Amino acid sequence: MFEIPWLVVVVAALLVATLFAAVLRAERAGQRRWRQQTSRPGWWAPAEEQERLQRILARNPSYDERTGLTSDPELARWLHDNRP
């Protein structure tokens, strides 16, 4: 019967393991990128609205990102108008 040399089996196993590791790394990088993009307040809004929100937040540090509460009426209006 035909015998497969051990070297071929080892090389094939290493190639499969390398491919698997590359796929996992790419998946983790994609998840990390998505988490970073969606962790900012207003990530769902168009670019112009995101810029406007950044200007509002720059002059109003009263926004609590964890709870989403604010005492600023302009920021509250922005959040109300730009709900996802």
C-alpha atoms as a PDB file:
ATOM      1  CA  MET A   1       0.000   0.000   0.000  1.00  0.00           C
ATOM      2  CA  PHE A   2       1.048   3.603  -0.629  1.00  0.00           C
ATOM      3  CA  GLU A   3       2.599   5.317   2.405  1.00  0.00           C
ATOM      4  CA  ILE A   4       2.509   9.106   2.821  1.00  0.00           C
ATOM      5  CA  PRO A   5       5.846  10.440   4.034  1.00  0.00           C
ATOM      6  CA  TRP A   6       5.667  11.982   7.513  1.00  0.00           C
ATOM      7  CA  LEU A   7       7.188  15.196   6.254  1.00  0.00           C
ATOM      8  CA  VAL A   8       4.223  15.797   3.941  1.00  0.00           C
ATOM      9  CA  VAL A   9       1.771  15.178   6.800  1.00  0.00           C
ATOM     10  CA  VAL A  10       3.644  17.554   9.112  1.00  0.00           C
ATOM     11  CA  VAL A  11       3.829  20.290   6.458  1.00  0.00           C
ATOM     12  CA  ALA A  12       0.124  19.926   5.668  1.00  0.00           C
ATOM     13  CA  ALA A  13      -0.755  20.118   9.373  1.00  0.00           C
ATOM     14  CA  LEU A  14       1.375  23.259   9.788  1.00  0.00           C
ATOM     15  CA  LEU A  15      -0.295  24.881   6.786  1.00  0.00           C
ATOM     16  CA  VAL A  16      -3.762  24.132   8.171  1.00  0.00           C
ATOM     17  CA  ALA A  17      -2.779  25.453  11.624  1.00  0.00           C
ATOM     18  CA  THR A  18      -1.314  28.625  10.097  1.00  0.00           C
ATOM     19  CA  LEU A  19      -4.426  29.216   8.021  1.00  0.00           C
ATOM     20  CA  PHE A  20      -6.631  28.674  11.074  1.00  0.00           C
ATOM     21  CA  ALA A  21      -4.558  31.121  13.144  1.00  0.00           C
ATOM     22  CA  ALA A  22      -4.719  33.745  10.377  1.00  0.00           C
ATOM     23  CA  VAL A  23      -8.501  33.460  10.156  1.00  0.00           C
ATOM     24  CA  LEU A  24      -8.856  33.805  13.936  1.00  0.00           C
ATOM     25  CA  ARG A  25      -6.566  36.845  13.969  1.00  0.00           C
ATOM     26  CA  ALA A  26      -8.539  38.507  11.184  1.00  0.00           C
ATOM     27  CA  GLU A  27     -11.815  37.808  12.997  1.00  0.00           C
ATOM     28  CA  ARG A  28     -10.511  39.293  16.247  1.00  0.00           C
ATOM     29  CA  ALA A  29      -9.186  42.359  14.429  1.00  0.00           C
ATOM     30  CA  GLY A  30     -12.575  42.880  12.786  1.00  0.00           C
ATOM     31  CA  GLN A  31     -14.381  42.589  16.109  1.00  0.00           C
ATOM     32  CA  ARG A  32     -11.930  44.975  17.773  1.00  0.00           C
ATOM     33  CA  ARG A  33     -12.345  47.515  14.965  1.00  0.00           C
ATOM     34  CA  TRP A  34     -16.143  47.274  15.191  1.00  0.00           C
ATOM     35  CA  ARG A  35     -16.051  47.685  18.997  1.00  0.00           C
ATOM     36  CA  GLN A  36     -13.846  50.774  18.681  1.00  0.00           C
ATOM     37  CA  GLN A  37     -16.074  52.319  16.040  1.00  0.00           C
ATOM     38  CA  THR A  38     -19.279  51.672  17.955  1.00  0.00           C
ATOM     39  CA  SER A  39     -17.978  52.743  21.358  1.00  0.00           C
ATOM     40  CA  ARG A  40     -18.043  56.437  20.428  1.00  0.00           C
ATOM     41  CA  PRO A  41     -21.249  58.318  21.115  1.00  0.00           C
ATOM     42  CA  GLY A  42     -23.113  59.012  17.898  1.00  0.00           C
ATOM     43  CA  TRP A  43     -21.338  56.306  15.872  1.00  0.00           C
ATOM     44  CA  TRP A  44     -24.543  55.613  13.939  1.00  0.00           C
ATOM     45  CA  ALA A  45     -24.972  59.188  12.713  1.00  0.00           C
ATOM     46  CA  PRO A  46     -23.695  60.576   9.398  1.00  0.00           C
ATOM     47  CA  ALA A  47     -20.208  62.125   9.357  1.00  0.00           C
ATOM     48  CA  GLU A  48     -21.485  65.719   9.495  1.00  0.00           C
ATOM     49  CA  GLU A  49     -23.582  64.960  12.555  1.00  0.00           C
ATOM     50  CA  GLN A  50     -20.668  63.173  14.213  1.00  0.00           C
ATOM     51  CA  GLU A  51     -18.531  66.277  13.721  1.00  0.00           C
ATOM     52  CA  ARG A  52     -21.285  68.436  15.187  1.00  0.00           C
ATOM     53  CA  LEU A  53     -21.559  66.080  18.158  1.00  0.00           C
ATOM     54  CA  GLN A  54     -17.802  66.252  18.739  1.00  0.00           C
ATOM     55  CA  ARG A  55     -17.992  70.063  18.822  1.00  0.00           C
ATOM     56  CA  ILE A  56     -20.863  69.902  21.320  1.00  0.00           C
ATOM     57  CA  LEU A  57     -18.988  67.410  23.505  1.00  0.00           C
ATOM     58  CA  ALA A  58     -15.782  69.447  23.327  1.00  0.00           C
ATOM     59  CA  ARG A  59     -17.431  72.401  25.034  1.00  0.00           C
ATOM     60  CA  ASN A  60     -19.767  70.344  27.279  1.00  0.00           C
ATOM     61  CA  PRO A  61     -18.017  67.783  29.414  1.00  0.00           C
ATOM     62  CA  SER A  62     -21.314  67.115  31.232  1.00  0.00           C
ATOM     63  CA  TYR A  63     -22.121  64.072  29.064  1.00  0.00           C
ATOM     64  CA  ASP A  64     -21.888  60.704  30.817  1.00  0.00           C
ATOM     65  CA  GLU A  65     -21.058  58.111  28.140  1.00  0.00           C
ATOM     66  CA  ARG A  66     -21.912  55.191  30.398  1.00  0.00           C
ATOM     67  CA  THR A  67     -25.479  56.280  31.160  1.00  0.00           C
ATOM     68  CA  GLY A  68     -26.099  58.660  28.257  1.00  0.00           C
ATOM     69  CA  LEU A  69     -27.342  61.391  30.600  1.00  0.00           C
ATOM     70  CA  THR A  70     -26.641  65.054  30.004  1.00  0.00           C
ATOM     71  CA  SER A  71     -27.690  68.403  31.416  1.00  0.00           C
ATOM     72  CA  ASP A  72     -27.023  70.248  28.143  1.00  0.00           C
ATOM     73  CA  PRO A  73     -30.187  70.948  26.109  1.00  0.00           C
ATOM     74  CA  GLU A  74     -28.331  71.119  22.767  1.00  0.00           C
ATOM     75  CA  LEU A  75     -26.707  67.735  23.357  1.00  0.00           C
ATOM     76  CA  ALA A  76     -30.006  66.233  24.497  1.00  0.00           C
ATOM     77  CA  ARG A  77     -31.657  67.579  21.324  1.00  0.00           C
ATOM     78  CA  TRP A  78     -28.862  66.087  19.179  1.00  0.00           C
ATOM     79  CA  LEU A  79     -29.233  62.704  20.864  1.00  0.00           C
ATOM     80  CA  HIS A  80     -33.010  62.819  20.433  1.00  0.00           C
ATOM     81  CA  ASP A  81     -32.840  63.844  16.752  1.00  0.00           C
ATOM     82  CA  ASN A  82     -30.134  61.324  15.843  1.00  0.00           C
ATOM     83  CA  ARG A  83     -31.320  58.125  17.477  1.00  0.00           C
ATOM     84  CA  PRO A  84     -30.162  54.934  15.777  1.00  0.00           C
END
